[in-house]
Amino acid sequence: DVLLDATMWLAKVNLSLPDFATALAHAQSLLRTATEVGNKQYLGVALCLLGTTLWEQGNVQQGKERLTESLRVLEETENKVELGRTCYELGRRLLRQPADAAEGRAYLERAAAIFGKAGARKDLEQVTALLNPPAGSCASIYRA
């Protein structure tokens, strides 16, 4: 699990920089390793990181497909916080597209429910800020 965990963090850090090429390489490596060892939790996380990175690179359809696949995998695990994080990642990206804002909001509401039940306060605060943006902010125009 140390290799899986280290690879996951390398992908997350590079995604946040943003160094998408390196993040993509680490997400693909995590996907391969998680598949080889049969670890569904890390497989789901890898798919989420892969989807997020692809989306940020402009490959929206591929990104959405990987994020949706991540949801299916993580629903079969005990790690509901990672399931919530994937809902959050998918939801916040959909929310930025006016035609998909209602679907994005539904994913964010699902994430909030998961985080609330799991006691993941920091994650819940983050999703709540997207669901309830301050009046007059740019994000408030996309309220469903």
C-alpha atoms as a PDB file:
ATOM      1  CA  ASP A   1       0.000   0.000   0.000  1.00  0.00           C
ATOM      2  CA  VAL A   2       2.988   2.339   0.445  1.00  0.00           C
ATOM      3  CA  LEU A   3       3.695   2.379  -3.312  1.00  0.00           C
ATOM      4  CA  LEU A   4       0.014   2.967  -4.081  1.00  0.00           C
ATOM      5  CA  ASP A   5      -0.227   5.741  -1.516  1.00  0.00           C
ATOM      6  CA  ALA A   6       2.969   7.463  -2.694  1.00  0.00           C
ATOM      7  CA  THR A   7       1.898   7.303  -6.338  1.00  0.00           C
ATOM      8  CA  MET A   8      -1.522   8.705  -5.438  1.00  0.00           C
ATOM      9  CA  TRP A   9       0.037  11.666  -3.628  1.00  0.00           C
ATOM     10  CA  LEU A  10       2.465  12.325  -6.477  1.00  0.00           C
ATOM     11  CA  ALA A  11      -0.498  12.500  -8.880  1.00  0.00           C
ATOM     12  CA  LYS A  12      -2.462  14.791  -6.533  1.00  0.00           C
ATOM     13  CA  VAL A  13       0.464  17.152  -5.966  1.00  0.00           C
ATOM     14  CA  ASN A  14       1.249  17.423  -9.670  1.00  0.00           C
ATOM     15  CA  LEU A  15      -2.417  17.982 -10.473  1.00  0.00           C
ATOM     16  CA  SER A  16      -2.524  20.870  -8.007  1.00  0.00           C
ATOM     17  CA  LEU A  17       0.642  22.537  -9.402  1.00  0.00           C
ATOM     18  CA  PRO A  18      -0.734  22.182 -12.222  1.00  0.00           C
ATOM     19  CA  ASP A  19       1.655  19.854 -14.029  1.00  0.00           C
ATOM     20  CA  PHE A  20      -0.914  17.835 -15.953  1.00  0.00           C
ATOM     21  CA  ALA A  21       1.538  15.701 -17.924  1.00  0.00           C
ATOM     22  CA  THR A  22       3.254  14.467 -14.759  1.00  0.00           C
ATOM     23  CA  ALA A  23      -0.066  14.080 -12.926  1.00  0.00           C
ATOM     24  CA  LEU A  24      -1.373  12.004 -15.833  1.00  0.00           C
ATOM     25  CA  ALA A  25       1.710   9.767 -15.778  1.00  0.00           C
ATOM     26  CA  HIS A  26       1.332   9.144 -12.025  1.00  0.00           C
ATOM     27  CA  ALA A  27      -2.430   8.545 -12.332  1.00  0.00           C
ATOM     28  CA  GLN A  28      -1.789   5.993 -15.107  1.00  0.00           C
ATOM     29  CA  SER A  29       0.903   4.326 -12.987  1.00  0.00           C
ATOM     30  CA  LEU A  30      -1.479   4.172 -10.028  1.00  0.00           C
ATOM     31  CA  LEU A  31      -4.166   2.697 -12.280  1.00  0.00           C
ATOM     32  CA  ARG A  32      -1.788  -0.041 -13.514  1.00  0.00           C
ATOM     33  CA  THR A  33      -0.523  -0.916 -10.037  1.00  0.00           C
ATOM     34  CA  ALA A  34      -3.984  -0.897  -8.441  1.00  0.00           C
ATOM     35  CA  THR A  35      -5.263  -3.143 -11.234  1.00  0.00           C
ATOM     36  CA  GLU A  36      -2.318  -5.539 -10.862  1.00  0.00           C
ATOM     37  CA  VAL A  37      -2.789  -5.939  -7.101  1.00  0.00           C
ATOM     38  CA  GLY A  38      -6.591  -5.871  -7.273  1.00  0.00           C
ATOM     39  CA  ASN A  39      -7.072  -2.916  -4.920  1.00  0.00           C
ATOM     40  CA  LYS A  40     -10.488  -1.409  -5.764  1.00  0.00           C
ATOM     41  CA  GLN A  41     -10.086   1.603  -3.493  1.00  0.00           C
ATOM     42  CA  TYR A  42      -6.908   2.756  -5.224  1.00  0.00           C
ATOM     43  CA  LEU A  43      -8.362   1.769  -8.599  1.00  0.00           C
ATOM     44  CA  GLY A  44     -11.253   4.138  -7.945  1.00  0.00           C
ATOM     45  CA  VAL A  45      -8.903   6.887  -6.784  1.00  0.00           C
ATOM     46  CA  ALA A  46      -6.699   6.371  -9.868  1.00  0.00           C
ATOM     47  CA  LEU A  47      -9.721   6.655 -12.156  1.00  0.00           C
ATOM     48  CA  CYS A  48     -10.780   9.852 -10.365  1.00  0.00           C
ATOM     49  CA  LEU A  49      -7.310  11.359 -10.722  1.00  0.00           C
ATOM     50  CA  LEU A  50      -7.127  10.263 -14.337  1.00  0.00           C
ATOM     51  CA  GLY A  51     -10.566  11.734 -15.084  1.00  0.00           C
ATOM     52  CA  THR A  52      -9.769  14.982 -13.323  1.00  0.00           C
ATOM     53  CA  THR A  53      -6.463  15.359 -15.151  1.00  0.00           C
ATOM     54  CA  LEU A  54      -7.941  14.530 -18.549  1.00  0.00           C
ATOM     55  CA  TRP A  55     -10.763  17.031 -17.970  1.00  0.00           C
ATOM     56  CA  GLU A  56      -8.317  19.764 -16.977  1.00  0.00           C
ATOM     57  CA  GLN A  57      -6.316  19.044 -20.151  1.00  0.00           C
ATOM     58  CA  GLY A  58      -9.468  19.686 -22.194  1.00  0.00           C
ATOM     59  CA  ASN A  59     -10.466  16.061 -22.760  1.00  0.00           C
ATOM     60  CA  VAL A  60     -13.855  16.613 -21.129  1.00  0.00           C
ATOM     61  CA  GLN A  61     -15.631  13.513 -22.466  1.00  0.00           C
ATOM     62  CA  GLN A  62     -12.786  11.144 -21.524  1.00  0.00           C
ATOM     63  CA  GLY A  63     -12.501  12.849 -18.151  1.00  0.00           C
ATOM     64  CA  LYS A  64     -16.212  12.444 -17.487  1.00  0.00           C
ATOM     65  CA  GLU A  65     -16.058   8.783 -18.494  1.00  0.00           C
ATOM     66  CA  ARG A  66     -13.172   8.083 -16.082  1.00  0.00           C
ATOM     67  CA  LEU A  67     -14.887   9.955 -13.251  1.00  0.00           C
ATOM     68  CA  THR A  68     -18.103   8.011 -13.836  1.00  0.00           C
ATOM     69  CA  GLU A  69     -16.126   4.760 -13.895  1.00  0.00           C
ATOM     70  CA  SER A  70     -14.466   5.809 -10.634  1.00  0.00           C
ATOM     71  CA  LEU A  71     -17.906   6.230  -9.048  1.00  0.00           C
ATOM     72  CA  ARG A  72     -18.897   2.697 -10.091  1.00  0.00           C
ATOM     73  CA  VAL A  73     -15.704   1.224  -8.641  1.00  0.00           C
ATOM     74  CA  LEU A  74     -15.805   3.203  -5.388  1.00  0.00           C
ATOM     75  CA  GLU A  75     -19.463   2.334  -4.765  1.00  0.00           C
ATOM     76  CA  GLU A  76     -18.225  -1.246  -4.285  1.00  0.00           C
ATOM     77  CA  THR A  77     -15.727  -0.248  -1.570  1.00  0.00           C
ATOM     78  CA  GLU A  78     -16.022   0.721   2.066  1.00  0.00           C
ATOM     79  CA  ASN A  79     -14.263   4.058   1.470  1.00  0.00           C
ATOM     80  CA  LYS A  80     -17.190   6.403   1.164  1.00  0.00           C
ATOM     81  CA  VAL A  81     -15.040   9.521   1.576  1.00  0.00           C
ATOM     82  CA  GLU A  82     -13.249   8.774  -1.721  1.00  0.00           C
ATOM     83  CA  LEU A  83     -16.665   8.170  -3.301  1.00  0.00           C
ATOM     84  CA  GLY A  84     -17.705  11.597  -2.045  1.00  0.00           C
ATOM     85  CA  ARG A  85     -14.526  13.149  -3.406  1.00  0.00           C
ATOM     86  CA  THR A  86     -15.214  11.717  -6.843  1.00  0.00           C
ATOM     87  CA  CYS A  87     -18.782  13.076  -6.689  1.00  0.00           C
ATOM     88  CA  TYR A  88     -17.260  16.430  -5.736  1.00  0.00           C
ATOM     89  CA  GLU A  89     -14.745  16.419  -8.601  1.00  0.00           C
ATOM     90  CA  LEU A  90     -17.370  15.460 -11.168  1.00  0.00           C
ATOM     91  CA  GLY A  91     -19.962  17.832  -9.729  1.00  0.00           C
ATOM     92  CA  ARG A  92     -17.757  20.903  -9.606  1.00  0.00           C
ATOM     93  CA  ARG A  93     -16.657  20.418 -13.193  1.00  0.00           C
ATOM     94  CA  LEU A  94     -20.207  19.937 -14.441  1.00  0.00           C
ATOM     95  CA  LEU A  95     -21.330  22.966 -12.436  1.00  0.00           C
ATOM     96  CA  ARG A  96     -18.984  25.169 -14.504  1.00  0.00           C
ATOM     97  CA  GLN A  97     -20.925  24.258 -17.656  1.00  0.00           C
ATOM     98  CA  PRO A  98     -24.317  25.966 -17.648  1.00  0.00           C
ATOM     99  CA  ALA A  99     -25.981  23.138 -19.617  1.00  0.00           C
ATOM    100  CA  ASP A 100     -24.785  20.599 -17.020  1.00  0.00           C
ATOM    101  CA  ALA A 101     -25.147  22.729 -13.883  1.00  0.00           C
ATOM    102  CA  ALA A 102     -28.184  20.835 -12.526  1.00  0.00           C
ATOM    103  CA  GLU A 103     -26.394  17.494 -12.902  1.00  0.00           C
ATOM    104  CA  GLY A 104     -23.304  18.995 -11.278  1.00  0.00           C
ATOM    105  CA  ARG A 105     -25.369  20.270  -8.370  1.00  0.00           C
ATOM    106  CA  ALA A 106     -26.867  16.787  -7.884  1.00  0.00           C
ATOM    107  CA  TYR A 107     -23.371  15.271  -7.650  1.00  0.00           C
ATOM    108  CA  LEU A 108     -22.328  17.975  -5.189  1.00  0.00           C
ATOM    109  CA  GLU A 109     -25.410  17.317  -3.047  1.00  0.00           C
ATOM    110  CA  ARG A 110     -24.563  13.609  -3.064  1.00  0.00           C
ATOM    111  CA  ALA A 111     -20.993  14.453  -2.016  1.00  0.00           C
ATOM    112  CA  ALA A 112     -22.297  16.634   0.824  1.00  0.00           C
ATOM    113  CA  ALA A 113     -24.543  13.835   2.077  1.00  0.00           C
ATOM    114  CA  ILE A 114     -21.657  11.344   1.977  1.00  0.00           C
ATOM    115  CA  PHE A 115     -19.267  13.714   3.758  1.00  0.00           C
ATOM    116  CA  GLY A 116     -21.871  14.566   6.387  1.00  0.00           C
ATOM    117  CA  LYS A 117     -22.543  10.912   7.141  1.00  0.00           C
ATOM    118  CA  ALA A 118     -18.809  10.095   7.205  1.00  0.00           C
ATOM    119  CA  GLY A 119     -17.941  13.047   9.450  1.00  0.00           C
ATOM    120  CA  ALA A 120     -15.543  14.467   6.838  1.00  0.00           C
ATOM    121  CA  ARG A 121     -15.900  18.085   7.958  1.00  0.00           C
ATOM    122  CA  LYS A 122     -13.214  19.668   5.765  1.00  0.00           C
ATOM    123  CA  ASP A 123     -14.603  17.981   2.652  1.00  0.00           C
ATOM    124  CA  LEU A 124     -18.141  18.956   3.651  1.00  0.00           C
ATOM    125  CA  GLU A 125     -17.105  22.610   4.080  1.00  0.00           C
ATOM    126  CA  GLN A 126     -15.523  22.605   0.625  1.00  0.00           C
ATOM    127  CA  VAL A 127     -18.613  21.200  -1.121  1.00  0.00           C
ATOM    128  CA  THR A 128     -20.966  23.411   0.888  1.00  0.00           C
ATOM    129  CA  ALA A 129     -19.074  26.477  -0.329  1.00  0.00           C
ATOM    130  CA  LEU A 130     -19.793  25.436  -3.921  1.00  0.00           C
ATOM    131  CA  LEU A 131     -23.426  24.644  -3.216  1.00  0.00           C
ATOM    132  CA  ASN A 132     -24.016  27.937  -1.393  1.00  0.00           C
ATOM    133  CA  PRO A 133     -21.770  30.582  -2.969  1.00  0.00           C
ATOM    134  CA  PRO A 134     -21.929  34.121  -1.573  1.00  0.00           C
ATOM    135  CA  ALA A 135     -24.607  36.278  -3.206  1.00  0.00           C
ATOM    136  CA  GLY A 136     -23.249  38.243  -6.124  1.00  0.00           C
ATOM    137  CA  SER A 137     -20.333  35.880  -6.762  1.00  0.00           C
ATOM    138  CA  CYS A 138     -19.746  34.432 -10.217  1.00  0.00           C
ATOM    139  CA  ALA A 139     -20.553  30.947  -8.894  1.00  0.00           C
ATOM    140  CA  SER A 140     -24.025  32.078  -7.771  1.00  0.00           C
ATOM    141  CA  ILE A 141     -25.201  32.386 -11.384  1.00  0.00           C
ATOM    142  CA  TYR A 142     -25.032  28.604 -11.805  1.00  0.00           C
ATOM    143  CA  ARG A 143     -27.380  27.789  -8.954  1.00  0.00           C
ATOM    144  CA  ALA A 144     -29.959  25.300 -10.131  1.00  0.00           C
END
